[in-house]
PDB file of N, CA and C in Angstrom:
ATOM      1  N   UNK A   1      13.789  27.366 -11.403  1.00  0.00           N
ATOM      2  CA  UNK A   1      13.344  27.322 -10.036  1.00  0.00           C
ATOM      3  C   UNK A   1      12.555  28.596  -9.737  1.00  0.00           C
ATOM      4  N   UNK A   2      11.389  28.429  -9.145  1.00  0.00           N
ATOM      5  CA  UNK A   2      10.526  29.564  -8.836  1.00  0.00           C
ATOM      6  C   UNK A   2      10.699  30.055  -7.402  1.00  0.00           C
ATOM      7  N   UNK A   3      10.989  29.121  -6.489  1.00  0.00           N
ATOM      8  CA  UNK A   3      11.167  29.476  -5.081  1.00  0.00           C
ATOM      9  C   UNK A   3      11.946  28.353  -4.403  1.00  0.00           C
ATOM     10  N   UNK A   4      12.722  28.727  -3.386  1.00  0.00           N
ATOM     11  CA  UNK A   4      13.486  27.753  -2.622  1.00  0.00           C
ATOM     12  C   UNK A   4      13.622  28.268  -1.200  1.00  0.00           C
ATOM     13  N   UNK A   5      13.508  27.370  -0.218  1.00  0.00           N
ATOM     14  CA  UNK A   5      13.652  27.802   1.159  1.00  0.00           C
ATOM     15  C   UNK A   5      13.662  26.651   2.140  1.00  0.00           C
ATOM     16  N   UNK A   6      13.846  27.000   3.397  1.00  0.00           N
ATOM     17  CA  UNK A   6      13.848  26.048   4.506  1.00  0.00           C
ATOM     18  C   UNK A   6      12.808  26.497   5.531  1.00  0.00           C
ATOM     19  N   UNK A   7      12.285  25.527   6.297  1.00  0.00           N
ATOM     20  CA  UNK A   7      11.414  25.930   7.394  1.00  0.00           C
ATOM     21  C   UNK A   7      12.199  26.764   8.403  1.00  0.00           C
ATOM     22  N   UNK A   8      11.504  27.642   9.088  1.00  0.00           N
ATOM     23  CA  UNK A   8      12.109  28.470  10.128  1.00  0.00           C
ATOM     24  C   UNK A   8      12.792  27.571  11.156  1.00  0.00           C
ATOM     25  N   UNK A   9      14.042  27.836  11.457  1.00  0.00           N
ATOM     26  CA  UNK A   9      14.849  27.117  12.447  1.00  0.00           C
ATOM     27  C   UNK A   9      15.079  25.641  12.111  1.00  0.00           C
ATOM     28  N   UNK A  10      15.117  25.278  10.843  1.00  0.00           N
ATOM     29  CA  UNK A  10      15.383  23.894  10.459  1.00  0.00           C
ATOM     30  C   UNK A  10      16.620  23.826   9.575  1.00  0.00           C
ATOM     31  N   UNK A  11      17.472  22.867   9.863  1.00  0.00           N
ATOM     32  CA  UNK A  11      18.655  22.648   9.037  1.00  0.00           C
ATOM     33  C   UNK A  11      18.515  21.398   8.176  1.00  0.00           C
ATOM     34  N   UNK A  12      17.540  20.543   8.495  1.00  0.00           N
ATOM     35  CA  UNK A  12      17.463  19.251   7.822  1.00  0.00           C
ATOM     36  C   UNK A  12      16.383  19.161   6.744  1.00  0.00           C
ATOM     37  N   UNK A  13      15.557  20.190   6.571  1.00  0.00           N
ATOM     38  CA  UNK A  13      14.480  20.156   5.574  1.00  0.00           C
ATOM     39  C   UNK A  13      14.692  21.289   4.582  1.00  0.00           C
ATOM     40  N   UNK A  14      14.448  20.987   3.313  1.00  0.00           N
ATOM     41  CA  UNK A  14      14.632  21.970   2.245  1.00  0.00           C
ATOM     42  C   UNK A  14      13.464  21.849   1.269  1.00  0.00           C
ATOM     43  N   UNK A  15      12.861  22.975   0.902  1.00  0.00           N
ATOM     44  CA  UNK A  15      11.743  23.008  -0.042  1.00  0.00           C
ATOM     45  C   UNK A  15      12.176  23.707  -1.321  1.00  0.00           C
ATOM     46  N   UNK A  16      11.671  23.198  -2.458  1.00  0.00           N
ATOM     47  CA  UNK A  16      11.964  23.832  -3.741  1.00  0.00           C
ATOM     48  C   UNK A  16      10.721  23.726  -4.628  1.00  0.00           C
ATOM     49  N   UNK A  17      10.335  24.855  -5.243  1.00  0.00           N
ATOM     50  CA  UNK A  17       9.234  24.874  -6.207  1.00  0.00           C
ATOM     51  C   UNK A  17       9.832  25.211  -7.565  1.00  0.00           C
ATOM     52  N   UNK A  18       9.615  24.311  -8.539  1.00  0.00           N
ATOM     53  CA  UNK A  18      10.062  24.561  -9.908  1.00  0.00           C
ATOM     54  C   UNK A  18       8.824  24.711 -10.783  1.00  0.00           C
ATOM     55  N   UNK A  19       9.019  24.860 -12.081  1.00  0.00           N
ATOM     56  CA  UNK A  19       7.865  24.977 -12.973  1.00  0.00           C
ATOM     57  C   UNK A  19       7.223  23.622 -13.260  1.00  0.00           C
ATOM     58  N   UNK A  20       7.746  22.534 -12.682  1.00  0.00           N
ATOM     59  CA  UNK A  20       7.181  21.199 -12.883  1.00  0.00           C
ATOM     60  C   UNK A  20       6.766  20.496 -11.594  1.00  0.00           C
ATOM     61  N   UNK A  21       7.422  20.837 -10.465  1.00  0.00           N
ATOM     62  CA  UNK A  21       7.159  20.065  -9.249  1.00  0.00           C
ATOM     63  C   UNK A  21       7.492  20.842  -7.977  1.00  0.00           C
ATOM     64  N   UNK A  22       7.002  20.292  -6.863  1.00  0.00           N
ATOM     65  CA  UNK A  22       7.419  20.717  -5.526  1.00  0.00           C
ATOM     66  C   UNK A  22       8.313  19.596  -5.012  1.00  0.00           C
ATOM     67  N   UNK A  23       9.499  19.948  -4.558  1.00  0.00           N
ATOM     68  CA  UNK A  23      10.438  18.944  -4.047  1.00  0.00           C
ATOM     69  C   UNK A  23      10.723  19.248  -2.582  1.00  0.00           C
ATOM     70  N   UNK A  24      10.579  18.208  -1.742  1.00  0.00           N
ATOM     71  CA  UNK A  24      10.872  18.308  -0.316  1.00  0.00           C
ATOM     72  C   UNK A  24      12.012  17.338  -0.024  1.00  0.00           C
ATOM     73  N   UNK A  25      13.114  17.863   0.480  1.00  0.00           N
ATOM     74  CA  UNK A  25      14.270  17.039   0.822  1.00  0.00           C
ATOM     75  C   UNK A  25      14.473  17.123   2.329  1.00  0.00           C
ATOM     76  N   UNK A  26      14.622  15.956   2.966  1.00  0.00           N
ATOM     77  CA  UNK A  26      14.819  15.902   4.414  1.00  0.00           C
ATOM     78  C   UNK A  26      16.065  15.098   4.740  1.00  0.00           C
ATOM     79  N   UNK A  27      16.779  15.517   5.768  1.00  0.00           N
ATOM     80  CA  UNK A  27      17.929  14.767   6.255  1.00  0.00           C
ATOM     81  C   UNK A  27      19.221  15.539   6.126  1.00  0.00           C
ATOM     82  N   UNK A  28      20.153  15.236   7.007  1.00  0.00           N
ATOM     83  CA  UNK A  28      21.475  15.853   6.962  1.00  0.00           C
ATOM     84  C   UNK A  28      22.483  14.840   6.421  1.00  0.00           C
ATOM     85  N   UNK A  29      22.527  13.662   7.017  1.00  0.00           N
ATOM     86  CA  UNK A  29      23.441  12.622   6.550  1.00  0.00           C
ATOM     87  C   UNK A  29      22.754  11.793   5.474  1.00  0.00           C
ATOM     88  N   UNK A  30      21.647  11.154   5.831  1.00  0.00           N
ATOM     89  CA  UNK A  30      20.826  10.449   4.851  1.00  0.00           C
ATOM     90  C   UNK A  30      19.808  11.417   4.286  1.00  0.00           C
ATOM     91  N   UNK A  31      19.385  11.198   3.061  1.00  0.00           N
ATOM     92  CA  UNK A  31      18.438  12.114   2.421  1.00  0.00           C
ATOM     93  C   UNK A  31      17.185  11.363   1.977  1.00  0.00           C
ATOM     94  N   UNK A  32      16.035  11.936   2.277  1.00  0.00           N
ATOM     95  CA  UNK A  32      14.752  11.471   1.753  1.00  0.00           C
ATOM     96  C   UNK A  32      14.208  12.577   0.877  1.00  0.00           C
ATOM     97  N   UNK A  33      13.643  12.196  -0.272  1.00  0.00           N
ATOM     98  CA  UNK A  33      13.122  13.205  -1.190  1.00  0.00           C
ATOM     99  C   UNK A  33      11.702  12.843  -1.604  1.00  0.00           C
ATOM    100  N   UNK A  34      10.813  13.825  -1.545  1.00  0.00           N
ATOM    101  CA  UNK A  34       9.416  13.696  -1.974  1.00  0.00           C
ATOM    102  C   UNK A  34       9.185  14.706  -3.087  1.00  0.00           C
ATOM    103  N   UNK A  35       8.688  14.236  -4.225  1.00  0.00           N
ATOM    104  CA  UNK A  35       8.345  15.115  -5.342  1.00  0.00           C
ATOM    105  C   UNK A  35       6.847  15.072  -5.571  1.00  0.00           C
ATOM    106  N   UNK A  36       6.253  16.241  -5.778  1.00  0.00           N
ATOM    107  CA  UNK A  36       4.835  16.342  -6.125  1.00  0.00           C
ATOM    108  C   UNK A  36       4.761  17.098  -7.442  1.00  0.00           C
ATOM    109  N   UNK A  37       4.264  16.431  -8.468  1.00  0.00           N
ATOM    110  CA  UNK A  37       4.125  17.080  -9.770  1.00  0.00           C
ATOM    111  C   UNK A  37       3.030  18.145  -9.668  1.00  0.00           C
ATOM    112  N   UNK A  38       3.288  19.328 -10.204  1.00  0.00           N
ATOM    113  CA  UNK A  38       2.332  20.440 -10.098  1.00  0.00           C
ATOM    114  C   UNK A  38       0.979  20.100 -10.712  1.00  0.00           C
ATOM    115  N   UNK A  39       0.972  19.343 -11.816  1.00  0.00           N
ATOM    116  CA  UNK A  39      -0.306  19.023 -12.472  1.00  0.00           C
ATOM    117  C   UNK A  39      -1.166  18.106 -11.613  1.00  0.00           C
ATOM    118  N   UNK A  40      -0.588  17.447 -10.616  1.00  0.00           N
ATOM    119  CA  UNK A  40      -1.345  16.555  -9.736  1.00  0.00           C
ATOM    120  C   UNK A  40      -1.910  17.274  -8.503  1.00  0.00           C
ATOM    121  N   UNK A  41      -1.531  18.530  -8.296  1.00  0.00           N
ATOM    122  CA  UNK A  41      -2.002  19.279  -7.127  1.00  0.00           C
ATOM    123  C   UNK A  41      -3.452  19.701  -7.324  1.00  0.00           C
ATOM    124  N   UNK A  42      -4.281  19.383  -6.331  1.00  0.00           N
ATOM    125  CA  UNK A  42      -5.703  19.716  -6.356  1.00  0.00           C
ATOM    126  C   UNK A  42      -6.006  21.015  -5.626  1.00  0.00           C
ATOM    127  N   UNK A  43      -5.370  21.206  -4.467  1.00  0.00           N
ATOM    128  CA  UNK A  43      -5.727  22.339  -3.622  1.00  0.00           C
ATOM    129  C   UNK A  43      -4.516  22.784  -2.806  1.00  0.00           C
ATOM    130  N   UNK A  44      -4.452  24.086  -2.559  1.00  0.00           N
ATOM    131  CA  UNK A  44      -3.363  24.669  -1.772  1.00  0.00           C
ATOM    132  C   UNK A  44      -3.993  25.616  -0.754  1.00  0.00           C
ATOM    133  N   UNK A  45      -3.642  25.445   0.507  1.00  0.00           N
ATOM    134  CA  UNK A  45      -4.125  26.328   1.567  1.00  0.00           C
ATOM    135  C   UNK A  45      -2.941  26.814   2.391  1.00  0.00           C
ATOM    136  N   UNK A  46      -3.157  27.901   3.100  1.00  0.00           N
ATOM    137  CA  UNK A  46      -2.142  28.449   3.984  1.00  0.00           C
ATOM    138  C   UNK A  46      -2.757  28.653   5.360  1.00  0.00           C
ATOM    139  N   UNK A  47      -2.029  28.272   6.407  1.00  0.00           N
ATOM    140  CA  UNK A  47      -2.474  28.545   7.773  1.00  0.00           C
ATOM    141  C   UNK A  47      -1.379  29.320   8.493  1.00  0.00           C
ATOM    142  N   UNK A  48      -1.840  30.203   9.386  1.00  0.00           N
ATOM    143  CA  UNK A  48      -0.902  31.067  10.089  1.00  0.00           C
ATOM    144  C   UNK A  48      -1.550  31.505  11.397  1.00  0.00           C
ATOM    145  N   UNK A  49      -0.956  31.106  12.519  1.00  0.00           N
ATOM    146  CA  UNK A  49      -1.442  31.550  13.815  1.00  0.00           C
ATOM    147  C   UNK A  49      -0.983  32.969  14.108  1.00  0.00           C
ATOM    148  N   UNK A  50      -1.448  33.517  15.234  1.00  0.00           N
ATOM    149  CA  UNK A  50      -1.115  34.898  15.578  1.00  0.00           C
ATOM    150  C   UNK A  50       0.392  35.098  15.744  1.00  0.00           C
ATOM    151  N   UNK A  51       1.033  34.197  16.487  1.00  0.00           N
ATOM    152  CA  UNK A  51       2.480  34.349  16.686  1.00  0.00           C
ATOM    153  C   UNK A  51       3.233  34.153  15.375  1.00  0.00           C
ATOM    154  N   UNK A  52       2.725  33.272  14.517  1.00  0.00           N
ATOM    155  CA  UNK A  52       3.357  33.068  13.206  1.00  0.00           C
ATOM    156  C   UNK A  52       3.209  34.313  12.331  1.00  0.00           C
ATOM    157  N   UNK A  53       2.066  34.973  12.423  1.00  0.00           N
ATOM    158  CA  UNK A  53       1.867  36.207  11.645  1.00  0.00           C
ATOM    159  C   UNK A  53       2.868  37.274  12.050  1.00  0.00           C
ATOM    160  N   UNK A  54       3.145  37.364  13.348  1.00  0.00           N
ATOM    161  CA  UNK A  54       4.099  38.366  13.829  1.00  0.00           C
ATOM    162  C   UNK A  54       5.508  38.067  13.315  1.00  0.00           C
ATOM    163  N   UNK A  55       5.802  36.787  13.071  1.00  0.00           N
ATOM    164  CA  UNK A  55       7.126  36.385  12.584  1.00  0.00           C
ATOM    165  C   UNK A  55       7.143  36.196  11.065  1.00  0.00           C
ATOM    166  N   UNK A  56       5.983  36.390  10.414  1.00  0.00           N
ATOM    167  CA  UNK A  56       5.822  36.211   8.969  1.00  0.00           C
ATOM    168  C   UNK A  56       6.238  34.812   8.506  1.00  0.00           C
ATOM    169  N   UNK A  57       5.761  33.797   9.257  1.00  0.00           N
ATOM    170  CA  UNK A  57       5.928  32.410   8.840  1.00  0.00           C
ATOM    171  C   UNK A  57       4.563  31.744   8.870  1.00  0.00           C
ATOM    172  N   UNK A  58       4.432  30.614   8.194  1.00  0.00           N
ATOM    173  CA  UNK A  58       3.171  29.890   8.173  1.00  0.00           C
ATOM    174  C   UNK A  58       3.348  28.559   7.464  1.00  0.00           C
ATOM    175  N   UNK A  59       2.268  27.797   7.400  1.00  0.00           N
ATOM    176  CA  UNK A  59       2.285  26.476   6.776  1.00  0.00           C
ATOM    177  C   UNK A  59       1.503  26.505   5.472  1.00  0.00           C
ATOM    178  N   UNK A  60       2.027  25.817   4.462  1.00  0.00           N
ATOM    179  CA  UNK A  60       1.355  25.661   3.177  1.00  0.00           C
ATOM    180  C   UNK A  60       0.896  24.207   3.097  1.00  0.00           C
ATOM    181  N   UNK A  61      -0.409  23.992   2.969  1.00  0.00           N
ATOM    182  CA  UNK A  61      -0.992  22.650   2.882  1.00  0.00           C
ATOM    183  C   UNK A  61      -1.272  22.343   1.413  1.00  0.00           C
ATOM    184  N   UNK A  62      -0.761  21.208   0.942  1.00  0.00           N
ATOM    185  CA  UNK A  62      -0.922  20.803  -0.454  1.00  0.00           C
ATOM    186  C   UNK A  62      -1.674  19.479  -0.494  1.00  0.00           C
ATOM    187  N   UNK A  63      -2.787  19.450  -1.233  1.00  0.00           N
ATOM    188  CA  UNK A  63      -3.525  18.214  -1.467  1.00  0.00           C
ATOM    189  C   UNK A  63      -3.387  17.870  -2.948  1.00  0.00           C
ATOM    190  N   UNK A  64      -3.062  16.595  -3.211  1.00  0.00           N
ATOM    191  CA  UNK A  64      -2.797  16.205  -4.591  1.00  0.00           C
ATOM    192  C   UNK A  64      -3.381  14.829  -4.896  1.00  0.00           C
ATOM    193  N   UNK A  65      -3.238  14.441  -6.155  1.00  0.00           N
ATOM    194  CA  UNK A  65      -3.642  13.107  -6.602  1.00  0.00           C
ATOM    195  C   UNK A  65      -2.523  12.096  -6.398  1.00  0.00           C
ATOM    196  N   UNK A  66      -1.472  12.476  -5.708  1.00  0.00           N
ATOM    197  CA  UNK A  66      -0.338  11.589  -5.466  1.00  0.00           C
ATOM    198  C   UNK A  66      -0.775  10.467  -4.528  1.00  0.00           C
ATOM    199  N   UNK A  67      -0.667   9.226  -4.974  1.00  0.00           N
ATOM    200  CA  UNK A  67      -1.144   8.100  -4.164  1.00  0.00           C
ATOM    201  C   UNK A  67      -0.266   7.826  -2.955  1.00  0.00           C
ATOM    202  N   UNK A  68       1.023   8.039  -3.079  1.00  0.00           N
ATOM    203  CA  UNK A  68       1.918   7.731  -1.962  1.00  0.00           C
ATOM    204  C   UNK A  68       1.803   8.741  -0.824  1.00  0.00           C
ATOM    205  N   UNK A  69       1.477   9.987  -1.154  1.00  0.00           N
ATOM    206  CA  UNK A  69       1.385  11.026  -0.130  1.00  0.00           C
ATOM    207  C   UNK A  69       0.427  12.123  -0.602  1.00  0.00           C
ATOM    208  N   UNK A  70      -0.882  11.915  -0.453  1.00  0.00           N
ATOM    209  CA  UNK A  70      -1.856  12.876  -0.997  1.00  0.00           C
ATOM    210  C   UNK A  70      -1.922  14.218  -0.268  1.00  0.00           C
ATOM    211  N   UNK A  71      -1.438  14.284   0.970  1.00  0.00           N
ATOM    212  CA  UNK A  71      -1.432  15.548   1.711  1.00  0.00           C
ATOM    213  C   UNK A  71      -0.036  15.821   2.252  1.00  0.00           C
ATOM    214  N   UNK A  72       0.483  16.988   1.903  1.00  0.00           N
ATOM    215  CA  UNK A  72       1.824  17.391   2.323  1.00  0.00           C
ATOM    216  C   UNK A  72       1.728  18.787   2.920  1.00  0.00           C
ATOM    217  N   UNK A  73       2.507  19.044   3.955  1.00  0.00           N
ATOM    218  CA  UNK A  73       2.542  20.371   4.570  1.00  0.00           C
ATOM    219  C   UNK A  73       3.972  20.899   4.509  1.00  0.00           C
ATOM    220  N   UNK A  74       4.117  22.097   3.949  1.00  0.00           N
ATOM    221  CA  UNK A  74       5.395  22.804   4.007  1.00  0.00           C
ATOM    222  C   UNK A  74       5.330  23.639   5.283  1.00  0.00           C
ATOM    223  N   UNK A  75       6.027  23.200   6.312  1.00  0.00           N
ATOM    224  CA  UNK A  75       5.937  23.814   7.639  1.00  0.00           C
ATOM    225  C   UNK A  75       6.832  25.038   7.789  1.00  0.00           C
ATOM    226  N   UNK A  76       6.325  26.024   8.525  1.00  0.00           N
ATOM    227  CA  UNK A  76       7.104  27.201   8.949  1.00  0.00           C
ATOM    228  C   UNK A  76       7.832  27.897   7.805  1.00  0.00           C
ATOM    229  N   UNK A  77       7.101  28.151   6.728  1.00  0.00           N
ATOM    230  CA  UNK A  77       7.651  28.812   5.546  1.00  0.00           C
ATOM    231  C   UNK A  77       7.685  30.320   5.776  1.00  0.00           C
ATOM    232  N   UNK A  78       8.791  30.964   5.432  1.00  0.00           N
ATOM    233  CA  UNK A  78       8.874  32.426   5.495  1.00  0.00           C
ATOM    234  C   UNK A  78       8.039  33.031   4.381  1.00  0.00           C
ATOM    235  N   UNK A  79       7.385  34.143   4.648  1.00  0.00           N
ATOM    236  CA  UNK A  79       6.520  34.838   3.678  1.00  0.00           C
ATOM    237  C   UNK A  79       5.530  33.874   3.034  1.00  0.00           C
ATOM    238  N   UNK A  80       4.695  33.211   3.842  1.00  0.00           N
ATOM    239  CA  UNK A  80       3.823  32.161   3.313  1.00  0.00           C
ATOM    240  C   UNK A  80       2.805  32.646   2.282  1.00  0.00           C
ATOM    241  N   UNK A  81       2.328  33.875   2.387  1.00  0.00           N
ATOM    242  CA  UNK A  81       1.374  34.385   1.389  1.00  0.00           C
ATOM    243  C   UNK A  81       2.021  34.457   0.015  1.00  0.00           C
ATOM    244  N   UNK A  82       3.266  34.910  -0.032  1.00  0.00           N
ATOM    245  CA  UNK A  82       3.985  34.996  -1.306  1.00  0.00           C
ATOM    246  C   UNK A  82       4.246  33.607  -1.878  1.00  0.00           C
ATOM    247  N   UNK A  83       4.652  32.671  -1.028  1.00  0.00           N
ATOM    248  CA  UNK A  83       4.930  31.306  -1.483  1.00  0.00           C
ATOM    249  C   UNK A  83       3.642  30.648  -1.976  1.00  0.00           C
ATOM    250  N   UNK A  84       2.541  30.864  -1.256  1.00  0.00           N
ATOM    251  CA  UNK A  84       1.242  30.331  -1.670  1.00  0.00           C
ATOM    252  C   UNK A  84       0.890  30.828  -3.071  1.00  0.00           C
ATOM    253  N   UNK A  85       1.081  32.108  -3.320  1.00  0.00           N
ATOM    254  CA  UNK A  85       0.753  32.692  -4.628  1.00  0.00           C
ATOM    255  C   UNK A  85       1.692  32.174  -5.723  1.00  0.00           C
ATOM    256  N   UNK A  86       2.974  32.044  -5.425  1.00  0.00           N
ATOM    257  CA  UNK A  86       3.929  31.482  -6.393  1.00  0.00           C
ATOM    258  C   UNK A  86       3.501  30.071  -6.776  1.00  0.00           C
ATOM    259  N   UNK A  87       3.146  29.266  -5.783  1.00  0.00           N
ATOM    260  CA  UNK A  87       2.734  27.889  -6.038  1.00  0.00           C
ATOM    261  C   UNK A  87       1.420  27.838  -6.809  1.00  0.00           C
ATOM    262  N   UNK A  88       0.463  28.671  -6.439  1.00  0.00           N
ATOM    263  CA  UNK A  88      -0.833  28.697  -7.131  1.00  0.00           C
ATOM    264  C   UNK A  88      -0.646  29.023  -8.615  1.00  0.00           C
ATOM    265  N   UNK A  89       0.144  30.037  -8.907  1.00  0.00           N
ATOM    266  CA  UNK A  89       0.390  30.415 -10.306  1.00  0.00           C
ATOM    267  C   UNK A  89       1.137  29.326 -11.063  1.00  0.00           C
ATOM    268  N   UNK A  90       2.091  28.689 -10.401  1.00  0.00           N
ATOM    269  CA  UNK A  90       2.852  27.610 -11.045  1.00  0.00           C
ATOM    270  C   UNK A  90       1.949  26.431 -11.395  1.00  0.00           C
ATOM    271  N   UNK A  91       1.014  26.099 -10.500  1.00  0.00           N
ATOM    272  CA  UNK A  91       0.071  25.007 -10.766  1.00  0.00           C
ATOM    273  C   UNK A  91      -0.802  25.352 -11.970  1.00  0.00           C
ATOM    274  N   UNK A  92      -1.320  26.573 -12.024  1.00  0.00           N
ATOM    275  CA  UNK A  92      -2.156  26.982 -13.158  1.00  0.00           C
ATOM    276  C   UNK A  92      -1.384  26.924 -14.475  1.00  0.00           C
ATOM    277  N   UNK A  93      -0.130  27.381 -14.474  1.00  0.00           N
ATOM    278  CA  UNK A  93       0.695  27.339 -15.692  1.00  0.00           C
ATOM    279  C   UNK A  93       0.984  25.901 -16.113  1.00  0.00           C
ATOM    280  N   UNK A  94       1.279  25.040 -15.143  1.00  0.00           N
ATOM    281  CA  UNK A  94       1.572  23.635 -15.455  1.00  0.00           C
ATOM    282  C   UNK A  94       0.342  22.944 -16.032  1.00  0.00           C
ATOM    283  N   UNK A  95      -0.829  23.211 -15.460  1.00  0.00           N
ATOM    284  CA  UNK A  95      -2.066  22.627 -15.998  1.00  0.00           C
ATOM    285  C   UNK A  95      -2.310  23.090 -17.425  1.00  0.00           C
ATOM    286  N   UNK A  96      -2.100  24.371 -17.672  1.00  0.00           N
ATOM    287  CA  UNK A  96      -2.307  24.915 -19.013  1.00  0.00           C
ATOM    288  C   UNK A  96      -1.306  24.310 -19.999  1.00  0.00           C
ATOM    289  N   UNK A  97      -0.050  24.225 -19.592  1.00  0.00           N
ATOM    290  CA  UNK A  97       1.005  23.673 -20.453  1.00  0.00           C
ATOM    291  C   UNK A  97       0.710  22.226 -20.847  1.00  0.00           C
ATOM    292  N   UNK A  98       0.224  21.436 -19.902  1.00  0.00           N
ATOM    293  CA  UNK A  98      -0.043  20.020 -20.143  1.00  0.00           C
ATOM    294  C   UNK A  98      -1.500  19.755 -20.528  1.00  0.00           C
ATOM    295  N   UNK A  99      -2.262  20.824 -20.726  1.00  0.00           N
ATOM    296  CA  UNK A  99      -3.673  20.726 -21.117  1.00  0.00           C
ATOM    297  C   UNK A  99      -4.468  19.856 -20.136  1.00  0.00           C
ATOM    298  N   UNK A 100      -4.268  20.118 -18.847  1.00  0.00           N
ATOM    299  CA  UNK A 100      -4.940  19.367 -17.790  1.00  0.00           C
ATOM    300  C   UNK A 100      -6.032  20.244 -17.199  1.00  0.00           C
ATOM    301  N   UNK A 101      -7.224  19.679 -17.087  1.00  0.00           N
ATOM    302  CA  UNK A 101      -8.311  20.389 -16.407  1.00  0.00           C
ATOM    303  C   UNK A 101      -8.653  19.623 -15.139  1.00  0.00           C
ATOM    304  N   UNK A 102      -9.162  20.333 -14.178  1.00  0.00           N
ATOM    305  CA  UNK A 102      -9.510  19.730 -12.898  1.00  0.00           C
ATOM    306  C   UNK A 102     -10.976  19.999 -12.626  1.00  0.00           C
ATOM    307  N   UNK A 103     -11.694  18.952 -12.274  1.00  0.00           N
ATOM    308  CA  UNK A 103     -13.106  19.088 -11.951  1.00  0.00           C
ATOM    309  C   UNK A 103     -13.324  18.628 -10.521  1.00  0.00           C
ATOM    310  N   UNK A 104     -13.900  19.497  -9.708  1.00  0.00           N
ATOM    311  CA  UNK A 104     -14.167  19.141  -8.315  1.00  0.00           C
ATOM    312  C   UNK A 104     -15.346  18.203  -8.231  1.00  0.00           C
ATOM    313  N   UNK A 105     -15.236  17.229  -7.321  1.00  0.00           N
ATOM    314  CA  UNK A 105     -16.346  16.311  -7.085  1.00  0.00           C
ATOM    315  C   UNK A 105     -17.254  16.907  -6.028  1.00  0.00           C
ATOM    316  N   UNK A 106     -18.546  16.793  -6.253  1.00  0.00           N
ATOM    317  CA  UNK A 106     -19.502  17.336  -5.280  1.00  0.00           C
ATOM    318  C   UNK A 106     -20.359  16.233  -4.724  1.00  0.00           C
TER     319      UNK A 106
END
């Protein structure tokens, strides 16, 4: 596991980044789980408003080749710049490990 956390002030959502995937688990009684394989991730962005910067939280936007859910947002993540960098490096390592190259369409 490379990183694990919850959104700020949330008890029902849990995020986990491993060397193979991003896992989002939601729910307290019932559980829903979304997995995004790192090799399928196309782009990662971070957004942070002024008040979020003061609290050191932000959102991580993930775009992938996943057909069921091509855009996912990790909301209200603590230390979002660090999490963004952890995820970016993990994606690069996963692509290298699986010999996957990505070509942007223009």
